[in-house]
């Protein structure tokens, strides 16, 4: 039997890629504040979403152990936390059904094939540098925004889909920006100006599209008029990143800066949505 020290291994119990936390917290907070009310059902949603998010770590650890990438001694702890998070998630989902919000459970369905895809890549040692997979995964996590919004309002409103799209677009742009910065860090020297813009072309395309869409939505009366402000922040960050290459910068520092910008984005979004 495994001892308590091995069972409570934080590397198995808690996601270690700290930058990923914002991809669940940001849409949750956006949806909760946009919904206007925090109810018992909102609490059930937060618990269910966090339990599902946390379960990714022990499930991934178990797959790595079975694939020979990690020692089999990790399996008892992985199984323990899979059960713990599973029980918490099921209890919270039961709470959503009990409070009359069973329809939001349908939003969890797209996450199943995406998670299976991720585990398949883990088993084949191919999960790293998969920007496409990460972007699709954040789209699934962004569904927390409309779920929280509808629960807060106590009714379905198509504007929830706009929240989902806006949250997803920001996450996608954040991922592409991070890949640009990681690509810059291994450069031997500062590249020429044309080369810098070439490296940042994709990131700038993403953030420019987001800024243009939010501006158009606000001017067209579909979205709050100042909702472009958080996307302007992200666009300016990409411009700064292109003109100031992260040569030799540690990945942790890049991740922390991304976390700060995403946090500021979330706060700005919440403020401008209510204006």
C-alpha atoms as a PDB file:
ATOM      1  CA  UNK A   1       0.000   0.000   0.000  1.00  0.00           C
ATOM      2  CA  UNK A   2       1.294   3.433  -0.896  1.00  0.00           C
ATOM      3  CA  UNK A   3       2.197   5.736   1.971  1.00  0.00           C
ATOM      4  CA  UNK A   4       0.551   9.113   2.531  1.00  0.00           C
ATOM      5  CA  UNK A   5       3.583  10.963   1.204  1.00  0.00           C
ATOM      6  CA  UNK A   6       3.255   9.340  -2.203  1.00  0.00           C
ATOM      7  CA  UNK A   7      -0.517   9.807  -2.246  1.00  0.00           C
ATOM      8  CA  UNK A   8      -0.290  13.544  -1.545  1.00  0.00           C
ATOM      9  CA  UNK A   9       2.279  14.178  -4.266  1.00  0.00           C
ATOM     10  CA  UNK A  10       1.473  17.705  -5.463  1.00  0.00           C
ATOM     11  CA  UNK A  11       3.000  17.019  -8.879  1.00  0.00           C
ATOM     12  CA  UNK A  12       0.238  14.495  -9.417  1.00  0.00           C
ATOM     13  CA  UNK A  13      -2.553  16.227  -7.521  1.00  0.00           C
ATOM     14  CA  UNK A  14      -2.149  19.795  -8.826  1.00  0.00           C
ATOM     15  CA  UNK A  15      -1.541  21.047 -12.399  1.00  0.00           C
ATOM     16  CA  UNK A  16       2.043  22.257 -12.662  1.00  0.00           C
ATOM     17  CA  UNK A  17       1.678  24.405 -15.790  1.00  0.00           C
ATOM     18  CA  UNK A  18       0.685  27.473 -13.803  1.00  0.00           C
ATOM     19  CA  UNK A  19      -0.130  29.531 -16.883  1.00  0.00           C
ATOM     20  CA  UNK A  20      -3.053  27.233 -17.682  1.00  0.00           C
ATOM     21  CA  UNK A  21      -4.979  28.282 -14.562  1.00  0.00           C
ATOM     22  CA  UNK A  22      -6.015  31.556 -16.165  1.00  0.00           C
ATOM     23  CA  UNK A  23      -7.716  29.663 -18.993  1.00  0.00           C
ATOM     24  CA  UNK A  24     -10.348  28.348 -16.552  1.00  0.00           C
ATOM     25  CA  UNK A  25     -10.469  31.225 -14.066  1.00  0.00           C
ATOM     26  CA  UNK A  26     -10.836  33.977 -16.680  1.00  0.00           C
ATOM     27  CA  UNK A  27     -13.985  32.649 -18.433  1.00  0.00           C
ATOM     28  CA  UNK A  28     -15.496  31.641 -15.102  1.00  0.00           C
ATOM     29  CA  UNK A  29     -15.031  35.104 -13.618  1.00  0.00           C
ATOM     30  CA  UNK A  30     -16.204  36.808 -16.812  1.00  0.00           C
ATOM     31  CA  UNK A  31     -19.378  34.722 -16.855  1.00  0.00           C
ATOM     32  CA  UNK A  32     -20.056  35.125 -13.151  1.00  0.00           C
ATOM     33  CA  UNK A  33     -19.763  38.910 -13.199  1.00  0.00           C
ATOM     34  CA  UNK A  34     -21.624  39.282 -16.486  1.00  0.00           C
ATOM     35  CA  UNK A  35     -24.456  37.166 -15.073  1.00  0.00           C
ATOM     36  CA  UNK A  36     -24.895  39.637 -12.255  1.00  0.00           C
ATOM     37  CA  UNK A  37     -25.806  37.136  -9.519  1.00  0.00           C
ATOM     38  CA  UNK A  38     -23.859  34.512  -7.610  1.00  0.00           C
ATOM     39  CA  UNK A  39     -26.227  31.737  -6.581  1.00  0.00           C
ATOM     40  CA  UNK A  40     -25.922  28.262  -5.098  1.00  0.00           C
ATOM     41  CA  UNK A  41     -25.966  26.923  -8.653  1.00  0.00           C
ATOM     42  CA  UNK A  42     -23.054  29.254  -9.481  1.00  0.00           C
ATOM     43  CA  UNK A  43     -21.085  27.682  -6.643  1.00  0.00           C
ATOM     44  CA  UNK A  44     -21.872  24.200  -7.956  1.00  0.00           C
ATOM     45  CA  UNK A  45     -20.635  25.275 -11.393  1.00  0.00           C
ATOM     46  CA  UNK A  46     -17.366  26.647 -10.022  1.00  0.00           C
ATOM     47  CA  UNK A  47     -16.742  23.448  -8.049  1.00  0.00           C
ATOM     48  CA  UNK A  48     -17.560  21.212 -11.027  1.00  0.00           C
ATOM     49  CA  UNK A  49     -15.384  23.234 -13.407  1.00  0.00           C
ATOM     50  CA  UNK A  50     -12.417  23.300 -11.039  1.00  0.00           C
ATOM     51  CA  UNK A  51     -12.701  19.576 -10.228  1.00  0.00           C
ATOM     52  CA  UNK A  52     -12.749  18.752 -13.944  1.00  0.00           C
ATOM     53  CA  UNK A  53      -9.773  21.043 -14.547  1.00  0.00           C
ATOM     54  CA  UNK A  54      -7.798  19.582 -11.647  1.00  0.00           C
ATOM     55  CA  UNK A  55      -8.484  16.000 -12.737  1.00  0.00           C
ATOM     56  CA  UNK A  56      -6.437  16.520 -15.881  1.00  0.00           C
ATOM     57  CA  UNK A  57      -3.219  16.284 -13.866  1.00  0.00           C
ATOM     58  CA  UNK A  58      -3.700  12.844 -12.247  1.00  0.00           C
ATOM     59  CA  UNK A  59      -5.260  11.393 -15.417  1.00  0.00           C
ATOM     60  CA  UNK A  60      -2.278  12.586 -17.451  1.00  0.00           C
ATOM     61  CA  UNK A  61       0.093  11.189 -14.813  1.00  0.00           C
ATOM     62  CA  UNK A  62      -1.644   7.803 -15.024  1.00  0.00           C
ATOM     63  CA  UNK A  63      -1.396   7.738 -18.824  1.00  0.00           C
ATOM     64  CA  UNK A  64       2.312   8.594 -18.619  1.00  0.00           C
ATOM     65  CA  UNK A  65       2.844   5.801 -16.096  1.00  0.00           C
ATOM     66  CA  UNK A  66       1.080   3.239 -18.289  1.00  0.00           C
ATOM     67  CA  UNK A  67       3.030   4.469 -21.330  1.00  0.00           C
ATOM     68  CA  UNK A  68       6.344   4.036 -19.525  1.00  0.00           C
ATOM     69  CA  UNK A  69       7.064   7.749 -19.305  1.00  0.00           C
ATOM     70  CA  UNK A  70       6.684   7.825 -15.524  1.00  0.00           C
ATOM     71  CA  UNK A  71       7.332   5.169 -12.862  1.00  0.00           C
ATOM     72  CA  UNK A  72       4.458   2.862 -11.988  1.00  0.00           C
ATOM     73  CA  UNK A  73       4.776   4.053  -8.400  1.00  0.00           C
ATOM     74  CA  UNK A  74       2.863   7.180  -9.513  1.00  0.00           C
ATOM     75  CA  UNK A  75      -0.265   5.119 -10.182  1.00  0.00           C
ATOM     76  CA  UNK A  76      -1.630   4.871  -6.589  1.00  0.00           C
ATOM     77  CA  UNK A  77      -1.547   8.660  -6.167  1.00  0.00           C
ATOM     78  CA  UNK A  78      -2.971   9.208  -9.649  1.00  0.00           C
ATOM     79  CA  UNK A  79      -5.848   6.820  -8.975  1.00  0.00           C
ATOM     80  CA  UNK A  80      -6.524   8.410  -5.593  1.00  0.00           C
ATOM     81  CA  UNK A  81      -6.842  11.928  -7.029  1.00  0.00           C
ATOM     82  CA  UNK A  82      -8.865  10.760 -10.023  1.00  0.00           C
ATOM     83  CA  UNK A  83     -11.394   9.312  -7.582  1.00  0.00           C
ATOM     84  CA  UNK A  84     -11.344  12.405  -5.330  1.00  0.00           C
ATOM     85  CA  UNK A  85     -11.857  14.873  -8.169  1.00  0.00           C
ATOM     86  CA  UNK A  86     -14.384  12.564  -9.803  1.00  0.00           C
ATOM     87  CA  UNK A  87     -16.515  12.398  -6.663  1.00  0.00           C
ATOM     88  CA  UNK A  88     -16.364  16.183  -6.221  1.00  0.00           C
ATOM     89  CA  UNK A  89     -17.303  16.777  -9.864  1.00  0.00           C
ATOM     90  CA  UNK A  90     -20.200  14.314  -9.763  1.00  0.00           C
ATOM     91  CA  UNK A  91     -21.520  15.855  -6.538  1.00  0.00           C
ATOM     92  CA  UNK A  92     -21.345  19.358  -8.045  1.00  0.00           C
ATOM     93  CA  UNK A  93     -23.018  18.194 -11.258  1.00  0.00           C
ATOM     94  CA  UNK A  94     -25.752  16.645  -9.127  1.00  0.00           C
ATOM     95  CA  UNK A  95     -26.143  20.040  -7.463  1.00  0.00           C
ATOM     96  CA  UNK A  96     -26.619  21.686 -10.856  1.00  0.00           C
ATOM     97  CA  UNK A  97     -29.335  19.173 -11.736  1.00  0.00           C
ATOM     98  CA  UNK A  98     -30.960  19.673  -8.320  1.00  0.00           C
ATOM     99  CA  UNK A  99     -31.082  23.461  -8.832  1.00  0.00           C
ATOM    100  CA  UNK A 100     -32.671  23.080 -12.264  1.00  0.00           C
ATOM    101  CA  UNK A 101     -29.607  23.796 -14.376  1.00  0.00           C
ATOM    102  CA  UNK A 102     -29.148  20.424 -16.029  1.00  0.00           C
ATOM    103  CA  UNK A 103     -28.996  21.956 -19.526  1.00  0.00           C
ATOM    104  CA  UNK A 104     -25.585  23.531 -18.864  1.00  0.00           C
ATOM    105  CA  UNK A 105     -24.177  20.019 -18.489  1.00  0.00           C
ATOM    106  CA  UNK A 106     -24.357  19.754 -22.279  1.00  0.00           C
ATOM    107  CA  UNK A 107     -21.516  22.278 -22.443  1.00  0.00           C
ATOM    108  CA  UNK A 108     -19.211  19.639 -20.956  1.00  0.00           C
ATOM    109  CA  UNK A 109     -19.741  17.245 -23.866  1.00  0.00           C
ATOM    110  CA  UNK A 110     -17.216  18.897 -26.276  1.00  0.00           C
ATOM    111  CA  UNK A 111     -14.545  18.508 -23.620  1.00  0.00           C
ATOM    112  CA  UNK A 112     -14.607  14.708 -23.753  1.00  0.00           C
ATOM    113  CA  UNK A 113     -13.156  14.195 -27.260  1.00  0.00           C
ATOM    114  CA  UNK A 114     -10.687  17.057 -26.775  1.00  0.00           C
ATOM    115  CA  UNK A 115      -9.424  15.517 -23.523  1.00  0.00           C
ATOM    116  CA  UNK A 116      -9.205  12.096 -25.195  1.00  0.00           C
ATOM    117  CA  UNK A 117      -7.166  13.682 -27.988  1.00  0.00           C
ATOM    118  CA  UNK A 118      -4.800  15.190 -25.422  1.00  0.00           C
ATOM    119  CA  UNK A 119      -4.342  11.845 -23.658  1.00  0.00           C
ATOM    120  CA  UNK A 120      -3.680  10.128 -26.987  1.00  0.00           C
ATOM    121  CA  UNK A 121      -0.877  12.608 -27.661  1.00  0.00           C
ATOM    122  CA  UNK A 122       0.479  12.107 -24.127  1.00  0.00           C
ATOM    123  CA  UNK A 123       0.622   8.353 -24.692  1.00  0.00           C
ATOM    124  CA  UNK A 124       2.602   8.945 -27.896  1.00  0.00           C
ATOM    125  CA  UNK A 125       4.936  11.512 -26.266  1.00  0.00           C
ATOM    126  CA  UNK A 126       3.649  14.131 -28.693  1.00  0.00           C
ATOM    127  CA  UNK A 127       1.732  16.567 -26.506  1.00  0.00           C
ATOM    128  CA  UNK A 128       4.400  19.285 -26.418  1.00  0.00           C
ATOM    129  CA  UNK A 129       4.284  22.285 -28.771  1.00  0.00           C
ATOM    130  CA  UNK A 130       0.774  21.468 -29.930  1.00  0.00           C
ATOM    131  CA  UNK A 131      -0.604  24.991 -30.262  1.00  0.00           C
ATOM    132  CA  UNK A 132      -3.630  23.763 -32.176  1.00  0.00           C
ATOM    133  CA  UNK A 133      -4.630  21.344 -29.444  1.00  0.00           C
ATOM    134  CA  UNK A 134      -4.145  24.014 -26.800  1.00  0.00           C
ATOM    135  CA  UNK A 135      -6.304  26.500 -28.694  1.00  0.00           C
ATOM    136  CA  UNK A 136      -9.107  23.959 -29.104  1.00  0.00           C
ATOM    137  CA  UNK A 137      -8.812  23.020 -25.410  1.00  0.00           C
ATOM    138  CA  UNK A 138      -9.150  26.647 -24.315  1.00  0.00           C
ATOM    139  CA  UNK A 139     -12.265  26.860 -26.462  1.00  0.00           C
ATOM    140  CA  UNK A 140     -13.735  24.092 -24.329  1.00  0.00           C
ATOM    141  CA  UNK A 141     -12.666  25.788 -21.099  1.00  0.00           C
ATOM    142  CA  UNK A 142     -14.185  29.061 -22.323  1.00  0.00           C
ATOM    143  CA  UNK A 143     -17.617  27.408 -22.289  1.00  0.00           C
ATOM    144  CA  UNK A 144     -17.528  28.125 -18.550  1.00  0.00           C
ATOM    145  CA  UNK A 145     -18.320  31.763 -19.432  1.00  0.00           C
ATOM    146  CA  UNK A 146     -21.782  31.195 -20.950  1.00  0.00           C
ATOM    147  CA  UNK A 147     -22.568  28.538 -18.336  1.00  0.00           C
ATOM    148  CA  UNK A 148     -21.877  30.980 -15.487  1.00  0.00           C
ATOM    149  CA  UNK A 149     -23.674  33.771 -17.352  1.00  0.00           C
ATOM    150  CA  UNK A 150     -26.859  31.783 -17.919  1.00  0.00           C
ATOM    151  CA  UNK A 151     -26.925  30.494 -14.355  1.00  0.00           C
ATOM    152  CA  UNK A 152     -26.452  34.030 -13.017  1.00  0.00           C
ATOM    153  CA  UNK A 153     -29.261  35.390 -15.166  1.00  0.00           C
ATOM    154  CA  UNK A 154     -31.471  32.428 -14.408  1.00  0.00           C
ATOM    155  CA  UNK A 155     -32.308  32.010 -18.085  1.00  0.00           C
ATOM    156  CA  UNK A 156     -30.841  31.321 -21.486  1.00  0.00           C
ATOM    157  CA  UNK A 157     -29.628  34.373 -23.395  1.00  0.00           C
ATOM    158  CA  UNK A 158     -27.830  34.183 -26.778  1.00  0.00           C
ATOM    159  CA  UNK A 159     -25.374  36.813 -25.551  1.00  0.00           C
ATOM    160  CA  UNK A 160     -23.755  33.968 -23.623  1.00  0.00           C
ATOM    161  CA  UNK A 161     -22.343  32.678 -26.901  1.00  0.00           C
ATOM    162  CA  UNK A 162     -20.733  36.059 -27.468  1.00  0.00           C
ATOM    163  CA  UNK A 163     -19.058  35.747 -24.069  1.00  0.00           C
ATOM    164  CA  UNK A 164     -17.790  32.298 -25.039  1.00  0.00           C
ATOM    165  CA  UNK A 165     -16.356  33.542 -28.333  1.00  0.00           C
ATOM    166  CA  UNK A 166     -14.752  36.607 -26.761  1.00  0.00           C
ATOM    167  CA  UNK A 167     -13.145  34.530 -23.997  1.00  0.00           C
ATOM    168  CA  UNK A 168     -11.905  31.928 -26.476  1.00  0.00           C
ATOM    169  CA  UNK A 169     -10.434  34.502 -28.862  1.00  0.00           C
ATOM    170  CA  UNK A 170      -8.450  36.052 -26.025  1.00  0.00           C
ATOM    171  CA  UNK A 171      -7.116  32.678 -24.891  1.00  0.00           C
ATOM    172  CA  UNK A 172      -6.165  31.693 -28.436  1.00  0.00           C
ATOM    173  CA  UNK A 173      -4.297  34.952 -28.965  1.00  0.00           C
ATOM    174  CA  UNK A 174      -2.548  34.513 -25.616  1.00  0.00           C
ATOM    175  CA  UNK A 175      -1.309  31.052 -26.615  1.00  0.00           C
ATOM    176  CA  UNK A 176      -0.018  32.226 -29.997  1.00  0.00           C
ATOM    177  CA  UNK A 177       1.704  35.188 -28.312  1.00  0.00           C
ATOM    178  CA  UNK A 178       3.385  32.871 -25.798  1.00  0.00           C
ATOM    179  CA  UNK A 179       4.696  30.629 -28.596  1.00  0.00           C
ATOM    180  CA  UNK A 180       6.134  33.707 -30.303  1.00  0.00           C
ATOM    181  CA  UNK A 181       7.950  34.713 -27.109  1.00  0.00           C
ATOM    182  CA  UNK A 182       9.282  31.185 -26.595  1.00  0.00           C
ATOM    183  CA  UNK A 183      10.543  31.148 -30.178  1.00  0.00           C
ATOM    184  CA  UNK A 184      12.307  34.463 -29.587  1.00  0.00           C
ATOM    185  CA  UNK A 185      14.108  33.319 -26.444  1.00  0.00           C
ATOM    186  CA  UNK A 186      16.375  30.871 -28.322  1.00  0.00           C
ATOM    187  CA  UNK A 187      17.534  33.408 -30.897  1.00  0.00           C
ATOM    188  CA  UNK A 188      21.311  34.006 -30.829  1.00  0.00           C
ATOM    189  CA  UNK A 189      20.907  37.758 -31.363  1.00  0.00           C
ATOM    190  CA  UNK A 190      18.293  40.430 -31.956  1.00  0.00           C
ATOM    191  CA  UNK A 191      16.925  39.853 -35.472  1.00  0.00           C
ATOM    192  CA  UNK A 192      16.403  42.552 -38.041  1.00  0.00           C
ATOM    193  CA  UNK A 193      13.205  44.587 -37.918  1.00  0.00           C
ATOM    194  CA  UNK A 194      11.588  42.739 -40.877  1.00  0.00           C
ATOM    195  CA  UNK A 195      12.439  39.389 -39.296  1.00  0.00           C
ATOM    196  CA  UNK A 196      10.940  40.459 -35.961  1.00  0.00           C
ATOM    197  CA  UNK A 197       7.673  41.390 -37.651  1.00  0.00           C
ATOM    198  CA  UNK A 198       7.702  38.152 -39.615  1.00  0.00           C
ATOM    199  CA  UNK A 199       8.086  36.121 -36.412  1.00  0.00           C
ATOM    200  CA  UNK A 200       5.243  38.035 -34.776  1.00  0.00           C
ATOM    201  CA  UNK A 201       2.919  38.034 -37.772  1.00  0.00           C
ATOM    202  CA  UNK A 202       0.603  35.293 -36.510  1.00  0.00           C
ATOM    203  CA  UNK A 203       0.358  36.723 -32.998  1.00  0.00           C
ATOM    204  CA  UNK A 204      -0.352  40.196 -34.368  1.00  0.00           C
ATOM    205  CA  UNK A 205      -2.993  38.777 -36.721  1.00  0.00           C
ATOM    206  CA  UNK A 206      -4.811  37.150 -33.800  1.00  0.00           C
ATOM    207  CA  UNK A 207      -4.781  40.193 -31.545  1.00  0.00           C
ATOM    208  CA  UNK A 208      -5.649  42.577 -34.396  1.00  0.00           C
ATOM    209  CA  UNK A 209      -8.635  40.436 -35.354  1.00  0.00           C
ATOM    210  CA  UNK A 210      -9.818  40.386 -31.729  1.00  0.00           C
ATOM    211  CA  UNK A 211      -9.467  44.144 -31.410  1.00  0.00           C
ATOM    212  CA  UNK A 212     -11.300  44.787 -34.681  1.00  0.00           C
ATOM    213  CA  UNK A 213     -14.119  42.380 -33.785  1.00  0.00           C
ATOM    214  CA  UNK A 214     -14.642  43.883 -30.330  1.00  0.00           C
ATOM    215  CA  UNK A 215     -14.609  47.401 -31.781  1.00  0.00           C
ATOM    216  CA  UNK A 216     -17.138  46.456 -34.439  1.00  0.00           C
ATOM    217  CA  UNK A 217     -19.360  44.722 -31.891  1.00  0.00           C
ATOM    218  CA  UNK A 218     -19.335  47.753 -29.629  1.00  0.00           C
ATOM    219  CA  UNK A 219     -19.964  50.265 -32.398  1.00  0.00           C
ATOM    220  CA  UNK A 220     -22.725  48.066 -33.780  1.00  0.00           C
ATOM    221  CA  UNK A 221     -24.521  47.940 -30.435  1.00  0.00           C
ATOM    222  CA  UNK A 222     -24.124  44.170 -30.129  1.00  0.00           C
ATOM    223  CA  UNK A 223     -21.526  44.401 -27.355  1.00  0.00           C
ATOM    224  CA  UNK A 224     -20.769  46.997 -24.677  1.00  0.00           C
ATOM    225  CA  UNK A 225     -19.180  50.064 -26.293  1.00  0.00           C
ATOM    226  CA  UNK A 226     -15.885  49.892 -24.341  1.00  0.00           C
ATOM    227  CA  UNK A 227     -15.363  46.123 -24.577  1.00  0.00           C
ATOM    228  CA  UNK A 228     -12.495  46.775 -26.996  1.00  0.00           C
ATOM    229  CA  UNK A 229     -10.320  48.071 -24.127  1.00  0.00           C
ATOM    230  CA  UNK A 230      -9.049  44.685 -22.851  1.00  0.00           C
ATOM    231  CA  UNK A 231      -8.304  43.601 -26.424  1.00  0.00           C
ATOM    232  CA  UNK A 232      -6.412  46.828 -26.989  1.00  0.00           C
ATOM    233  CA  UNK A 233      -4.260  45.902 -23.989  1.00  0.00           C
ATOM    234  CA  UNK A 234      -3.513  42.501 -25.504  1.00  0.00           C
ATOM    235  CA  UNK A 235      -2.782  44.059 -28.908  1.00  0.00           C
ATOM    236  CA  UNK A 236      -0.319  46.519 -27.360  1.00  0.00           C
ATOM    237  CA  UNK A 237       1.364  43.669 -25.494  1.00  0.00           C
ATOM    238  CA  UNK A 238       1.888  41.831 -28.784  1.00  0.00           C
ATOM    239  CA  UNK A 239       3.360  44.958 -30.380  1.00  0.00           C
ATOM    240  CA  UNK A 240       5.737  45.282 -27.438  1.00  0.00           C
ATOM    241  CA  UNK A 241       6.649  41.601 -27.696  1.00  0.00           C
ATOM    242  CA  UNK A 242       7.473  41.920 -31.383  1.00  0.00           C
ATOM    243  CA  UNK A 243       9.680  44.967 -30.931  1.00  0.00           C
ATOM    244  CA  UNK A 244      11.357  43.654 -27.768  1.00  0.00           C
ATOM    245  CA  UNK A 245      12.381  40.021 -28.434  1.00  0.00           C
ATOM    246  CA  UNK A 246      12.602  37.800 -25.350  1.00  0.00           C
ATOM    247  CA  UNK A 247      16.124  36.602 -26.117  1.00  0.00           C
ATOM    248  CA  UNK A 248      17.449  34.485 -23.244  1.00  0.00           C
ATOM    249  CA  UNK A 249      14.387  35.110 -21.085  1.00  0.00           C
ATOM    250  CA  UNK A 250      13.400  32.129 -18.945  1.00  0.00           C
ATOM    251  CA  UNK A 251      10.090  30.436 -19.815  1.00  0.00           C
ATOM    252  CA  UNK A 252       8.863  31.004 -16.269  1.00  0.00           C
ATOM    253  CA  UNK A 253       9.282  34.756 -16.657  1.00  0.00           C
ATOM    254  CA  UNK A 254       7.440  34.670 -19.981  1.00  0.00           C
ATOM    255  CA  UNK A 255       4.636  32.708 -18.353  1.00  0.00           C
ATOM    256  CA  UNK A 256       4.356  35.093 -15.419  1.00  0.00           C
ATOM    257  CA  UNK A 257       4.105  38.099 -17.740  1.00  0.00           C
ATOM    258  CA  UNK A 258       1.409  36.304 -19.724  1.00  0.00           C
ATOM    259  CA  UNK A 259      -0.438  35.577 -16.494  1.00  0.00           C
ATOM    260  CA  UNK A 260      -0.269  39.242 -15.483  1.00  0.00           C
ATOM    261  CA  UNK A 261      -1.560  40.452 -18.853  1.00  0.00           C
ATOM    262  CA  UNK A 262      -4.368  37.862 -18.851  1.00  0.00           C
ATOM    263  CA  UNK A 263      -5.348  38.893 -15.319  1.00  0.00           C
ATOM    264  CA  UNK A 264      -5.481  42.554 -16.320  1.00  0.00           C
ATOM    265  CA  UNK A 265      -7.472  41.564 -19.402  1.00  0.00           C
ATOM    266  CA  UNK A 266     -10.032  39.758 -17.224  1.00  0.00           C
ATOM    267  CA  UNK A 267     -10.406  42.710 -14.873  1.00  0.00           C
ATOM    268  CA  UNK A 268     -10.795  45.147 -17.774  1.00  0.00           C
ATOM    269  CA  UNK A 269     -13.322  42.877 -19.457  1.00  0.00           C
ATOM    270  CA  UNK A 270     -15.438  42.657 -16.313  1.00  0.00           C
ATOM    271  CA  UNK A 271     -15.362  46.447 -15.861  1.00  0.00           C
ATOM    272  CA  UNK A 272     -16.131  47.342 -19.475  1.00  0.00           C
ATOM    273  CA  UNK A 273     -18.864  44.714 -19.830  1.00  0.00           C
ATOM    274  CA  UNK A 274     -20.882  46.463 -17.117  1.00  0.00           C
ATOM    275  CA  UNK A 275     -20.464  49.976 -18.574  1.00  0.00           C
END
